[in-house]
Amino acid sequence: QVQLVESGGGLVQPGGSLRLSCVVSGNIFGVNVMGWYRQAPGKQRELVASISSGDTTNYADSLKGRFTISRDNAKNTVYLQMNSLKPEDTAKYYCNIITAPYWHDYWGPGTQVTVSS
């Protein structure tokens, strides 16, 4: 069974930085894509960034240049470096993985990020 656990969220002032981590457990076979999503109250969940097992990355256009996704396969961990944070970045951030061959989808419980002065 695949499980994901996020960490690193918290309260930060505008302009500050945070690094989120997501540790995945369980056996993953074949091609996979891990991603960070976020959801603010009253809003739909949206993709922040993703990274494939081949290290192809994808970002929301509005976040390019501020957020960086990376993965450390030896530690079974994916990271999201968040810089120049703005109040509009306030949301609960979720880690996700989809895996071949059936493209099963797994989610972590989320970690809260609040950007406020």
PDB file of N, CA and C in Angstrom:
ATOM      1  N   GLN A   1       0.843  -1.185   0.000  1.00  0.00           N
ATOM      2  CA  GLN A   1       0.000   0.000   0.000  1.00  0.00           C
ATOM      3  C   GLN A   1       0.884   1.243   0.000  1.00  0.00           C
ATOM      4  N   VAL A   2       0.573   2.181  -0.864  1.00  0.00           N
ATOM      5  CA  VAL A   2       1.332   3.413  -0.990  1.00  0.00           C
ATOM      6  C   VAL A   2       0.774   4.452  -0.030  1.00  0.00           C
ATOM      7  N   GLN A   3       1.664   5.106   0.702  1.00  0.00           N
ATOM      8  CA  GLN A   3       1.279   6.184   1.597  1.00  0.00           C
ATOM      9  C   GLN A   3       2.209   7.367   1.400  1.00  0.00           C
ATOM     10  N   LEU A   4       1.672   8.569   1.549  1.00  0.00           N
ATOM     11  CA  LEU A   4       2.439   9.792   1.437  1.00  0.00           C
ATOM     12  C   LEU A   4       2.163  10.671   2.643  1.00  0.00           C
ATOM     13  N   VAL A   5       3.209  11.321   3.146  1.00  0.00           N
ATOM     14  CA  VAL A   5       3.084  12.215   4.289  1.00  0.00           C
ATOM     15  C   VAL A   5       3.842  13.493   3.998  1.00  0.00           C
ATOM     16  N   GLU A   6       3.135  14.625   4.064  1.00  0.00           N
ATOM     17  CA  GLU A   6       3.742  15.930   3.838  1.00  0.00           C
ATOM     18  C   GLU A   6       4.212  16.539   5.153  1.00  0.00           C
ATOM     19  N   SER A   7       5.195  17.430   5.054  1.00  0.00           N
ATOM     20  CA  SER A   7       5.662  18.185   6.202  1.00  0.00           C
ATOM     21  C   SER A   7       6.281  19.487   5.718  1.00  0.00           C
ATOM     22  N   GLY A   8       6.503  20.415   6.640  1.00  0.00           N
ATOM     23  CA  GLY A   8       7.192  21.652   6.323  1.00  0.00           C
ATOM     24  C   GLY A   8       6.318  22.878   6.235  1.00  0.00           C
ATOM     25  N   GLY A   9       5.017  22.710   6.329  1.00  0.00           N
ATOM     26  CA  GLY A   9       4.135  23.856   6.290  1.00  0.00           C
ATOM     27  C   GLY A   9       4.213  24.669   7.565  1.00  0.00           C
ATOM     28  N   GLY A  10       3.599  25.844   7.527  1.00  0.00           N
ATOM     29  CA  GLY A  10       3.591  26.705   8.686  1.00  0.00           C
ATOM     30  C   GLY A  10       3.201  28.113   8.328  1.00  0.00           C
ATOM     31  N   LEU A  11       3.441  29.016   9.263  1.00  0.00           N
ATOM     32  CA  LEU A  11       3.141  30.432   9.098  1.00  0.00           C
ATOM     33  C   LEU A  11       4.407  31.174   8.696  1.00  0.00           C
ATOM     34  N   VAL A  12       4.312  31.968   7.640  1.00  0.00           N
ATOM     35  CA  VAL A  12       5.464  32.714   7.143  1.00  0.00           C
ATOM     36  C   VAL A  12       5.003  34.091   6.690  1.00  0.00           C
ATOM     37  N   GLN A  13       5.868  35.078   6.830  1.00  0.00           N
ATOM     38  CA  GLN A  13       5.557  36.433   6.389  1.00  0.00           C
ATOM     39  C   GLN A  13       5.695  36.555   4.877  1.00  0.00           C
ATOM     40  N   PRO A  14       4.964  37.485   4.275  1.00  0.00           N
ATOM     41  CA  PRO A  14       5.146  37.717   2.840  1.00  0.00           C
ATOM     42  C   PRO A  14       6.612  37.965   2.497  1.00  0.00           C
ATOM     43  N   GLY A  15       7.049  37.363   1.407  1.00  0.00           N
ATOM     44  CA  GLY A  15       8.434  37.450   0.993  1.00  0.00           C
ATOM     45  C   GLY A  15       9.318  36.361   1.550  1.00  0.00           C
ATOM     46  N   GLY A  16       8.808  35.580   2.486  1.00  0.00           N
ATOM     47  CA  GLY A  16       9.577  34.522   3.090  1.00  0.00           C
ATOM     48  C   GLY A  16       9.600  33.259   2.254  1.00  0.00           C
ATOM     49  N   SER A  17      10.235  32.228   2.805  1.00  0.00           N
ATOM     50  CA  SER A  17      10.406  30.963   2.104  1.00  0.00           C
ATOM     51  C   SER A  17      10.045  29.790   3.002  1.00  0.00           C
ATOM     52  N   LEU A  18       9.610  28.715   2.374  1.00  0.00           N
ATOM     53  CA  LEU A  18       9.378  27.448   3.038  1.00  0.00           C
ATOM     54  C   LEU A  18       9.791  26.333   2.095  1.00  0.00           C
ATOM     55  N   ARG A  19      10.171  25.209   2.664  1.00  0.00           N
ATOM     56  CA  ARG A  19      10.411  24.011   1.880  1.00  0.00           C
ATOM     57  C   ARG A  19       9.518  22.897   2.391  1.00  0.00           C
ATOM     58  N   LEU A  20       8.649  22.420   1.532  1.00  0.00           N
ATOM     59  CA  LEU A  20       7.781  21.311   1.856  1.00  0.00           C
ATOM     60  C   LEU A  20       8.441  19.998   1.453  1.00  0.00           C
ATOM     61  N   SER A  21       8.180  18.964   2.236  1.00  0.00           N
ATOM     62  CA  SER A  21       8.694  17.636   1.944  1.00  0.00           C
ATOM     63  C   SER A  21       7.547  16.645   1.917  1.00  0.00           C
ATOM     64  N   CYS A  22       7.689  15.629   1.100  1.00  0.00           N
ATOM     65  CA  CYS A  22       6.708  14.553   1.024  1.00  0.00           C
ATOM     66  C   CYS A  22       7.465  13.238   0.927  1.00  0.00           C
ATOM     67  N   VAL A  23       7.247  12.374   1.902  1.00  0.00           N
ATOM     68  CA  VAL A  23       7.873  11.061   1.924  1.00  0.00           C
ATOM     69  C   VAL A  23       6.852  10.025   1.489  1.00  0.00           C
ATOM     70  N   VAL A  24       7.224   9.206   0.529  1.00  0.00           N
ATOM     71  CA  VAL A  24       6.345   8.164   0.030  1.00  0.00           C
ATOM     72  C   VAL A  24       6.856   6.807   0.478  1.00  0.00           C
ATOM     73  N   SER A  25       5.953   5.969   0.938  1.00  0.00           N
ATOM     74  CA  SER A  25       6.288   4.605   1.324  1.00  0.00           C
ATOM     75  C   SER A  25       5.470   3.628   0.494  1.00  0.00           C
ATOM     76  N   GLY A  26       5.965   2.404   0.404  1.00  0.00           N
ATOM     77  CA  GLY A  26       5.334   1.397  -0.428  1.00  0.00           C
ATOM     78  C   GLY A  26       6.088   1.226  -1.729  1.00  0.00           C
ATOM     79  N   ASN A  27       5.847   0.115  -2.373  1.00  0.00           N
ATOM     80  CA  ASN A  27       6.554  -0.198  -3.609  1.00  0.00           C
ATOM     81  C   ASN A  27       5.911   0.508  -4.789  1.00  0.00           C
ATOM     82  N   ILE A  28       6.744   1.183  -5.557  1.00  0.00           N
ATOM     83  CA  ILE A  28       6.316   1.861  -6.767  1.00  0.00           C
ATOM     84  C   ILE A  28       7.036   1.208  -7.944  1.00  0.00           C
ATOM     85  N   PHE A  29       6.268   0.713  -8.895  1.00  0.00           N
ATOM     86  CA  PHE A  29       6.827   0.061 -10.073  1.00  0.00           C
ATOM     87  C   PHE A  29       6.552   0.894 -11.305  1.00  0.00           C
ATOM     88  N   GLY A  30       7.568   1.067 -12.117  1.00  0.00           N
ATOM     89  CA  GLY A  30       7.404   1.693 -13.419  1.00  0.00           C
ATOM     90  C   GLY A  30       7.330   3.207 -13.359  1.00  0.00           C
ATOM     91  N   VAL A  31       6.834   3.767 -14.456  1.00  0.00           N
ATOM     92  CA  VAL A  31       6.761   5.208 -14.614  1.00  0.00           C
ATOM     93  C   VAL A  31       5.811   5.809 -13.581  1.00  0.00           C
ATOM     94  N   ASN A  32       6.196   6.927 -13.023  1.00  0.00           N
ATOM     95  CA  ASN A  32       5.327   7.613 -12.083  1.00  0.00           C
ATOM     96  C   ASN A  32       5.547   9.114 -12.169  1.00  0.00           C
ATOM     97  N   VAL A  33       4.563   9.844 -11.682  1.00  0.00           N
ATOM     98  CA  VAL A  33       4.646  11.294 -11.600  1.00  0.00           C
ATOM     99  C   VAL A  33       4.217  11.713 -10.205  1.00  0.00           C
ATOM    100  N   MET A  34       5.025  12.525  -9.557  1.00  0.00           N
ATOM    101  CA  MET A  34       4.676  13.087  -8.267  1.00  0.00           C
ATOM    102  C   MET A  34       4.397  14.570  -8.426  1.00  0.00           C
ATOM    103  N   GLY A  35       3.452  15.050  -7.667  1.00  0.00           N
ATOM    104  CA  GLY A  35       3.080  16.436  -7.793  1.00  0.00           C
ATOM    105  C   GLY A  35       2.676  17.063  -6.478  1.00  0.00           C
ATOM    106  N   TRP A  36       2.724  18.386  -6.471  1.00  0.00           N
ATOM    107  CA  TRP A  36       2.192  19.185  -5.381  1.00  0.00           C
ATOM    108  C   TRP A  36       0.965  19.923  -5.889  1.00  0.00           C
ATOM    109  N   TYR A  37      -0.090  19.833  -5.118  1.00  0.00           N
ATOM    110  CA  TYR A  37      -1.319  20.561  -5.375  1.00  0.00           C
ATOM    111  C   TYR A  37      -1.642  21.417  -4.164  1.00  0.00           C
ATOM    112  N   ARG A  38      -2.480  22.403  -4.353  1.00  0.00           N
ATOM    113  CA  ARG A  38      -2.909  23.210  -3.225  1.00  0.00           C
ATOM    114  C   ARG A  38      -4.388  23.543  -3.353  1.00  0.00           C
ATOM    115  N   GLN A  39      -4.998  23.772  -2.213  1.00  0.00           N
ATOM    116  CA  GLN A  39      -6.407  24.116  -2.178  1.00  0.00           C
ATOM    117  C   GLN A  39      -6.658  25.113  -1.055  1.00  0.00           C
ATOM    118  N   ALA A  40      -7.184  26.259  -1.422  1.00  0.00           N
ATOM    119  CA  ALA A  40      -7.589  27.269  -0.467  1.00  0.00           C
ATOM    120  C   ALA A  40      -9.081  27.129  -0.191  1.00  0.00           C
ATOM    121  N   PRO A  41      -9.556  27.601   0.952  1.00  0.00           N
ATOM    122  CA  PRO A  41     -10.987  27.511   1.252  1.00  0.00           C
ATOM    123  C   PRO A  41     -11.833  28.142   0.153  1.00  0.00           C
ATOM    124  N   GLY A  42     -12.842  27.415  -0.288  1.00  0.00           N
ATOM    125  CA  GLY A  42     -13.729  27.907  -1.325  1.00  0.00           C
ATOM    126  C   GLY A  42     -13.173  27.818  -2.728  1.00  0.00           C
ATOM    127  N   LYS A  43     -11.978  27.279  -2.882  1.00  0.00           N
ATOM    128  CA  LYS A  43     -11.342  27.170  -4.188  1.00  0.00           C
ATOM    129  C   LYS A  43     -11.179  25.708  -4.577  1.00  0.00           C
ATOM    130  N   GLN A  44     -11.022  25.471  -5.871  1.00  0.00           N
ATOM    131  CA  GLN A  44     -10.726  24.135  -6.361  1.00  0.00           C
ATOM    132  C   GLN A  44      -9.259  23.807  -6.133  1.00  0.00           C
ATOM    133  N   ARG A  45      -8.988  22.523  -5.992  1.00  0.00           N
ATOM    134  CA  ARG A  45      -7.611  22.095  -5.893  1.00  0.00           C
ATOM    135  C   ARG A  45      -6.906  22.320  -7.228  1.00  0.00           C
ATOM    136  N   GLU A  46      -5.703  22.875  -7.166  1.00  0.00           N
ATOM    137  CA  GLU A  46      -4.974  23.193  -8.376  1.00  0.00           C
ATOM    138  C   GLU A  46      -3.561  22.628  -8.327  1.00  0.00           C
ATOM    139  N   LEU A  47      -3.051  22.308  -9.495  1.00  0.00           N
ATOM    140  CA  LEU A  47      -1.684  21.825  -9.604  1.00  0.00           C
ATOM    141  C   LEU A  47      -0.709  22.963  -9.352  1.00  0.00           C
ATOM    142  N   VAL A  48       0.275  22.705  -8.509  1.00  0.00           N
ATOM    143  CA  VAL A  48       1.373  23.636  -8.282  1.00  0.00           C
ATOM    144  C   VAL A  48       2.564  23.260  -9.161  1.00  0.00           C
ATOM    145  N   ALA A  49       2.997  22.014  -9.052  1.00  0.00           N
ATOM    146  CA  ALA A  49       4.143  21.529  -9.813  1.00  0.00           C
ATOM    147  C   ALA A  49       4.134  20.014  -9.808  1.00  0.00           C
ATOM    148  N   SER A  50       4.776  19.422 -10.792  1.00  0.00           N
ATOM    149  CA  SER A  50       4.909  17.976 -10.849  1.00  0.00           C
ATOM    150  C   SER A  50       6.284  17.604 -11.367  1.00  0.00           C
ATOM    151  N   ILE A  51       6.689  16.389 -11.059  1.00  0.00           N
ATOM    152  CA  ILE A  51       7.973  15.882 -11.530  1.00  0.00           C
ATOM    153  C   ILE A  51       7.828  14.390 -11.774  1.00  0.00           C
ATOM    154  N   SER A  52       8.283  13.940 -12.923  1.00  0.00           N
ATOM    155  CA  SER A  52       8.155  12.543 -13.304  1.00  0.00           C
ATOM    156  C   SER A  52       9.348  11.732 -12.828  1.00  0.00           C
ATOM    157  N   SER A  53       9.225  10.412 -12.967  1.00  0.00           N
ATOM    158  CA  SER A  53      10.345   9.530 -12.655  1.00  0.00           C
ATOM    159  C   SER A  53      11.514   9.754 -13.603  1.00  0.00           C
ATOM    160  N   GLY A  54      11.265  10.388 -14.743  1.00  0.00           N
ATOM    161  CA  GLY A  54      12.317  10.798 -15.656  1.00  0.00           C
ATOM    162  C   GLY A  54      12.786  12.215 -15.435  1.00  0.00           C
ATOM    163  N   ASP A  55      12.335  12.848 -14.352  1.00  0.00           N
ATOM    164  CA  ASP A  55      12.755  14.184 -13.919  1.00  0.00           C
ATOM    165  C   ASP A  55      12.242  15.300 -14.821  1.00  0.00           C
ATOM    166  N   THR A  56      11.189  15.030 -15.564  1.00  0.00           N
ATOM    167  CA  THR A  56      10.516  16.089 -16.288  1.00  0.00           C
ATOM    168  C   THR A  56       9.634  16.875 -15.323  1.00  0.00           C
ATOM    169  N   THR A  57       9.756  18.192 -15.338  1.00  0.00           N
ATOM    170  CA  THR A  57       9.004  19.039 -14.415  1.00  0.00           C
ATOM    171  C   THR A  57       7.955  19.851 -15.141  1.00  0.00           C
ATOM    172  N   ASN A  58       6.929  20.212 -14.393  1.00  0.00           N
ATOM    173  CA  ASN A  58       5.859  21.044 -14.903  1.00  0.00           C
ATOM    174  C   ASN A  58       5.400  21.952 -13.773  1.00  0.00           C
ATOM    175  N   TYR A  59       5.143  23.230 -14.102  1.00  0.00           N
ATOM    176  CA  TYR A  59       4.740  24.207 -13.105  1.00  0.00           C
ATOM    177  C   TYR A  59       3.510  24.967 -13.564  1.00  0.00           C
ATOM    178  N   ALA A  60       2.728  25.383 -12.605  1.00  0.00           N
ATOM    179  CA  ALA A  60       1.704  26.365 -12.907  1.00  0.00           C
ATOM    180  C   ALA A  60       2.390  27.633 -13.409  1.00  0.00           C
ATOM    181  N   ASP A  61       1.844  28.209 -14.487  1.00  0.00           N
ATOM    182  CA  ASP A  61       2.507  29.357 -15.108  1.00  0.00           C
ATOM    183  C   ASP A  61       2.753  30.495 -14.124  1.00  0.00           C
ATOM    184  N   SER A  62       1.802  30.735 -13.246  1.00  0.00           N
ATOM    185  CA  SER A  62       1.916  31.856 -12.324  1.00  0.00           C
ATOM    186  C   SER A  62       2.975  31.651 -11.255  1.00  0.00           C
ATOM    187  N   LEU A  63       3.456  30.440 -11.098  1.00  0.00           N
ATOM    188  CA  LEU A  63       4.406  30.125 -10.039  1.00  0.00           C
ATOM    189  C   LEU A  63       5.825  29.907 -10.537  1.00  0.00           C
ATOM    190  N   LYS A  64       6.006  29.893 -11.837  1.00  0.00           N
ATOM    191  CA  LYS A  64       7.341  29.697 -12.379  1.00  0.00           C
ATOM    192  C   LYS A  64       8.278  30.792 -11.894  1.00  0.00           C
ATOM    193  N   GLY A  65       9.457  30.377 -11.442  1.00  0.00           N
ATOM    194  CA  GLY A  65      10.448  31.314 -10.949  1.00  0.00           C
ATOM    195  C   GLY A  65      10.430  31.478  -9.450  1.00  0.00           C
ATOM    196  N   ARG A  66       9.328  31.141  -8.799  1.00  0.00           N
ATOM    197  CA  ARG A  66       9.239  31.234  -7.341  1.00  0.00           C
ATOM    198  C   ARG A  66       9.278  29.874  -6.665  1.00  0.00           C
ATOM    199  N   PHE A  67       8.680  28.873  -7.302  1.00  0.00           N
ATOM    200  CA  PHE A  67       8.615  27.534  -6.717  1.00  0.00           C
ATOM    201  C   PHE A  67       9.487  26.580  -7.521  1.00  0.00           C
ATOM    202  N   THR A  68      10.111  25.631  -6.829  1.00  0.00           N
ATOM    203  CA  THR A  68      10.938  24.626  -7.471  1.00  0.00           C
ATOM    204  C   THR A  68      10.619  23.257  -6.890  1.00  0.00           C
ATOM    205  N   ILE A  69      10.316  22.301  -7.757  1.00  0.00           N
ATOM    206  CA  ILE A  69      10.057  20.943  -7.326  1.00  0.00           C
ATOM    207  C   ILE A  69      11.287  20.088  -7.612  1.00  0.00           C
ATOM    208  N   SER A  70      11.564  19.149  -6.719  1.00  0.00           N
ATOM    209  CA  SER A  70      12.679  18.237  -6.901  1.00  0.00           C
ATOM    210  C   SER A  70      12.364  16.932  -6.191  1.00  0.00           C
ATOM    211  N   ARG A  71      13.119  15.893  -6.513  1.00  0.00           N
ATOM    212  CA  ARG A  71      12.918  14.621  -5.838  1.00  0.00           C
ATOM    213  C   ARG A  71      14.253  13.967  -5.540  1.00  0.00           C
ATOM    214  N   ASP A  72      14.280  13.238  -4.447  1.00  0.00           N
ATOM    215  CA  ASP A  72      15.443  12.482  -4.022  1.00  0.00           C
ATOM    216  C   ASP A  72      14.990  11.033  -3.920  1.00  0.00           C
ATOM    217  N   ASN A  73      15.294  10.261  -4.938  1.00  0.00           N
ATOM    218  CA  ASN A  73      14.791   8.891  -4.989  1.00  0.00           C
ATOM    219  C   ASN A  73      15.404   8.012  -3.900  1.00  0.00           C
ATOM    220  N   ALA A  74      16.624   8.302  -3.495  1.00  0.00           N
ATOM    221  CA  ALA A  74      17.256   7.525  -2.432  1.00  0.00           C
ATOM    222  C   ALA A  74      16.515   7.681  -1.115  1.00  0.00           C
ATOM    223  N   LYS A  75      15.883   8.830  -0.922  1.00  0.00           N
ATOM    224  CA  LYS A  75      15.130   9.099   0.301  1.00  0.00           C
ATOM    225  C   LYS A  75      13.628   8.968   0.103  1.00  0.00           C
ATOM    226  N   ASN A  76      13.214   8.590  -1.094  1.00  0.00           N
ATOM    227  CA  ASN A  76      11.794   8.450  -1.413  1.00  0.00           C
ATOM    228  C   ASN A  76      11.024   9.721  -1.064  1.00  0.00           C
ATOM    229  N   THR A  77      11.594  10.849  -1.447  1.00  0.00           N
ATOM    230  CA  THR A  77      11.060  12.141  -1.025  1.00  0.00           C
ATOM    231  C   THR A  77      10.988  13.105  -2.197  1.00  0.00           C
ATOM    232  N   VAL A  78       9.927  13.881  -2.228  1.00  0.00           N
ATOM    233  CA  VAL A  78       9.796  14.976  -3.174  1.00  0.00           C
ATOM    234  C   VAL A  78       9.696  16.275  -2.373  1.00  0.00           C
ATOM    235  N   TYR A  79      10.284  17.339  -2.906  1.00  0.00           N
ATOM    236  CA  TYR A  79      10.343  18.617  -2.220  1.00  0.00           C
ATOM    237  C   TYR A  79       9.678  19.709  -3.049  1.00  0.00           C
ATOM    238  N   LEU A  80       9.214  20.714  -2.360  1.00  0.00           N
ATOM    239  CA  LEU A  80       8.744  21.924  -3.004  1.00  0.00           C
ATOM    240  C   LEU A  80       9.372  23.110  -2.291  1.00  0.00           C
ATOM    241  N   GLN A  81      10.317  23.771  -2.947  1.00  0.00           N
ATOM    242  CA  GLN A  81      10.920  24.976  -2.419  1.00  0.00           C
ATOM    243  C   GLN A  81      10.067  26.160  -2.835  1.00  0.00           C
ATOM    244  N   MET A  82       9.608  26.922  -1.857  1.00  0.00           N
ATOM    245  CA  MET A  82       8.697  28.025  -2.084  1.00  0.00           C
ATOM    246  C   MET A  82       9.374  29.314  -1.643  1.00  0.00           C
ATOM    247  N   ASN A  83       9.629  30.208  -2.586  1.00  0.00           N
ATOM    248  CA  ASN A  83      10.293  31.473  -2.310  1.00  0.00           C
ATOM    249  C   ASN A  83       9.371  32.643  -2.631  1.00  0.00           C
ATOM    250  N   SER A  84       9.715  33.802  -2.075  1.00  0.00           N
ATOM    251  CA  SER A  84       8.959  35.029  -2.319  1.00  0.00           C
ATOM    252  C   SER A  84       7.467  34.808  -2.119  1.00  0.00           C
ATOM    253  N   LEU A  85       7.126  34.214  -1.010  1.00  0.00           N
ATOM    254  CA  LEU A  85       5.744  33.830  -0.763  1.00  0.00           C
ATOM    255  C   LEU A  85       4.832  35.041  -0.634  1.00  0.00           C
ATOM    256  N   LYS A  86       3.634  34.875  -1.135  1.00  0.00           N
ATOM    257  CA  LYS A  86       2.618  35.918  -1.134  1.00  0.00           C
ATOM    258  C   LYS A  86       1.391  35.428  -0.385  1.00  0.00           C
ATOM    259  N   PRO A  87       0.573  36.345   0.131  1.00  0.00           N
ATOM    260  CA  PRO A  87      -0.651  35.917   0.813  1.00  0.00           C
ATOM    261  C   PRO A  87      -1.527  35.012  -0.044  1.00  0.00           C
ATOM    262  N   GLU A  88      -1.533  35.206  -1.349  1.00  0.00           N
ATOM    263  CA  GLU A  88      -2.334  34.378  -2.237  1.00  0.00           C
ATOM    264  C   GLU A  88      -1.853  32.936  -2.310  1.00  0.00           C
ATOM    265  N   ASP A  89      -0.655  32.661  -1.781  1.00  0.00           N
ATOM    266  CA  ASP A  89      -0.152  31.296  -1.717  1.00  0.00           C
ATOM    267  C   ASP A  89      -0.715  30.518  -0.539  1.00  0.00           C
ATOM    268  N   THR A  90      -1.439  31.185   0.337  1.00  0.00           N
ATOM    269  CA  THR A  90      -2.027  30.523   1.497  1.00  0.00           C
ATOM    270  C   THR A  90      -2.991  29.435   1.043  1.00  0.00           C
ATOM    271  N   ALA A  91      -2.753  28.211   1.496  1.00  0.00           N
ATOM    272  CA  ALA A  91      -3.561  27.062   1.094  1.00  0.00           C
ATOM    273  C   ALA A  91      -3.066  25.835   1.834  1.00  0.00           C
ATOM    274  N   LYS A  92      -3.834  24.776   1.738  1.00  0.00           N
ATOM    275  CA  LYS A  92      -3.358  23.484   2.174  1.00  0.00           C
ATOM    276  C   LYS A  92      -2.697  22.809   0.980  1.00  0.00           C
ATOM    277  N   TYR A  93      -1.482  22.349   1.175  1.00  0.00           N
ATOM    278  CA  TYR A  93      -0.693  21.770   0.104  1.00  0.00           C
ATOM    279  C   TYR A  93      -0.670  20.255   0.236  1.00  0.00           C
ATOM    280  N   TYR A  94      -0.958  19.572  -0.874  1.00  0.00           N
ATOM    281  CA  TYR A  94      -1.069  18.125  -0.898  1.00  0.00           C
ATOM    282  C   TYR A  94      -0.039  17.522  -1.835  1.00  0.00           C
ATOM    283  N   CYS A  95       0.496  16.396  -1.435  1.00  0.00           N
ATOM    284  CA  CYS A  95       1.403  15.618  -2.257  1.00  0.00           C
ATOM    285  C   CYS A  95       0.630  14.493  -2.927  1.00  0.00           C
ATOM    286  N   ASN A  96       0.995  14.197  -4.160  1.00  0.00           N
ATOM    287  CA  ASN A  96       0.280  13.219  -4.970  1.00  0.00           C
ATOM    288  C   ASN A  96       1.259  12.393  -5.784  1.00  0.00           C
ATOM    289  N   ILE A  97       0.896  11.141  -6.024  1.00  0.00           N
ATOM    290  CA  ILE A  97       1.648  10.312  -6.957  1.00  0.00           C
ATOM    291  C   ILE A  97       0.677   9.499  -7.790  1.00  0.00           C
ATOM    292  N   ILE A  98       0.965   9.386  -9.077  1.00  0.00           N
ATOM    293  CA  ILE A  98       0.255   8.483  -9.963  1.00  0.00           C
ATOM    294  C   ILE A  98       1.282   7.526 -10.556  1.00  0.00           C
ATOM    295  N   THR A  99       0.896   6.252 -10.703  1.00  0.00           N
ATOM    296  CA  THR A  99       1.853   5.224 -11.077  1.00  0.00           C
ATOM    297  C   THR A  99       1.314   4.336 -12.183  1.00  0.00           C
ATOM    298  N   ALA A 100       2.232   3.937 -13.062  1.00  0.00           N
ATOM    299  CA  ALA A 100       1.938   2.933 -14.071  1.00  0.00           C
ATOM    300  C   ALA A 100       1.881   1.562 -13.399  1.00  0.00           C
ATOM    301  N   PRO A 101       1.241   0.576 -14.032  1.00  0.00           N
ATOM    302  CA  PRO A 101       0.599   0.623 -15.348  1.00  0.00           C
ATOM    303  C   PRO A 101      -0.856   1.058 -15.309  1.00  0.00           C
ATOM    304  N   TYR A 102      -1.480   1.084 -14.139  1.00  0.00           N
ATOM    305  CA  TYR A 102      -2.899   1.381 -14.039  1.00  0.00           C
ATOM    306  C   TYR A 102      -3.180   2.832 -13.683  1.00  0.00           C
ATOM    307  N   TRP A 103      -2.130   3.592 -13.415  1.00  0.00           N
ATOM    308  CA  TRP A 103      -2.240   5.006 -13.049  1.00  0.00           C
ATOM    309  C   TRP A 103      -3.116   5.221 -11.833  1.00  0.00           C
ATOM    310  N   HIS A 104      -2.884   4.376 -10.842  1.00  0.00           N
ATOM    311  CA  HIS A 104      -3.508   4.605  -9.550  1.00  0.00           C
ATOM    312  C   HIS A 104      -3.016   5.911  -8.964  1.00  0.00           C
ATOM    313  N   ASP A 105      -3.878   6.543  -8.214  1.00  0.00           N
ATOM    314  CA  ASP A 105      -3.671   7.889  -7.700  1.00  0.00           C
ATOM    315  C   ASP A 105      -3.693   7.850  -6.171  1.00  0.00           C
ATOM    316  N   TYR A 106      -2.649   8.395  -5.545  1.00  0.00           N
ATOM    317  CA  TYR A 106      -2.543   8.409  -4.094  1.00  0.00           C
ATOM    318  C   TYR A 106      -2.281   9.825  -3.611  1.00  0.00           C
ATOM    319  N   TRP A 107      -2.825  10.150  -2.448  1.00  0.00           N
ATOM    320  CA  TRP A 107      -2.711  11.490  -1.879  1.00  0.00           C
ATOM    321  C   TRP A 107      -2.254  11.449  -0.438  1.00  0.00           C
ATOM    322  N   GLY A 108      -1.477  12.449  -0.054  1.00  0.00           N
ATOM    323  CA  GLY A 108      -1.159  12.650   1.340  1.00  0.00           C
ATOM    324  C   GLY A 108      -2.244  13.455   2.027  1.00  0.00           C
ATOM    325  N   PRO A 109      -2.170  13.579   3.351  1.00  0.00           N
ATOM    326  CA  PRO A 109      -3.199  14.317   4.099  1.00  0.00           C
ATOM    327  C   PRO A 109      -3.087  15.835   4.000  1.00  0.00           C
ATOM    328  N   GLY A 110      -1.972  16.345   3.517  1.00  0.00           N
ATOM    329  CA  GLY A 110      -1.804  17.771   3.324  1.00  0.00           C
ATOM    330  C   GLY A 110      -1.068  18.452   4.465  1.00  0.00           C
ATOM    331  N   THR A 111      -0.504  19.616   4.156  1.00  0.00           N
ATOM    332  CA  THR A 111       0.142  20.459   5.146  1.00  0.00           C
ATOM    333  C   THR A 111      -0.238  21.910   4.869  1.00  0.00           C
ATOM    334  N   GLN A 112      -0.555  22.637   5.921  1.00  0.00           N
ATOM    335  CA  GLN A 112      -1.063  23.998   5.776  1.00  0.00           C
ATOM    336  C   GLN A 112       0.079  24.990   5.627  1.00  0.00           C
ATOM    337  N   VAL A 113      -0.062  25.880   4.651  1.00  0.00           N
ATOM    338  CA  VAL A 113       0.847  27.003   4.462  1.00  0.00           C
ATOM    339  C   VAL A 113       0.037  28.283   4.582  1.00  0.00           C
ATOM    340  N   THR A 114       0.441  29.148   5.499  1.00  0.00           N
ATOM    341  CA  THR A 114      -0.232  30.421   5.697  1.00  0.00           C
ATOM    342  C   THR A 114       0.781  31.543   5.554  1.00  0.00           C
ATOM    343  N   VAL A 115       0.508  32.463   4.642  1.00  0.00           N
ATOM    344  CA  VAL A 115       1.390  33.599   4.384  1.00  0.00           C
ATOM    345  C   VAL A 115       0.664  34.852   4.849  1.00  0.00           C
ATOM    346  N   SER A 116       1.161  35.452   5.904  1.00  0.00           N
ATOM    347  CA  SER A 116       0.489  36.602   6.502  1.00  0.00           C
ATOM    348  C   SER A 116       1.476  37.406   7.326  1.00  0.00           C
ATOM    349  N   SER A 117       1.269  38.716   7.354  1.00  0.00           N
ATOM    350  CA  SER A 117       2.070  39.590   8.189  1.00  0.00           C
ATOM    351  C   SER A 117       1.434  39.811   9.553  1.00  0.00           C
TER     352      SER A 117
END
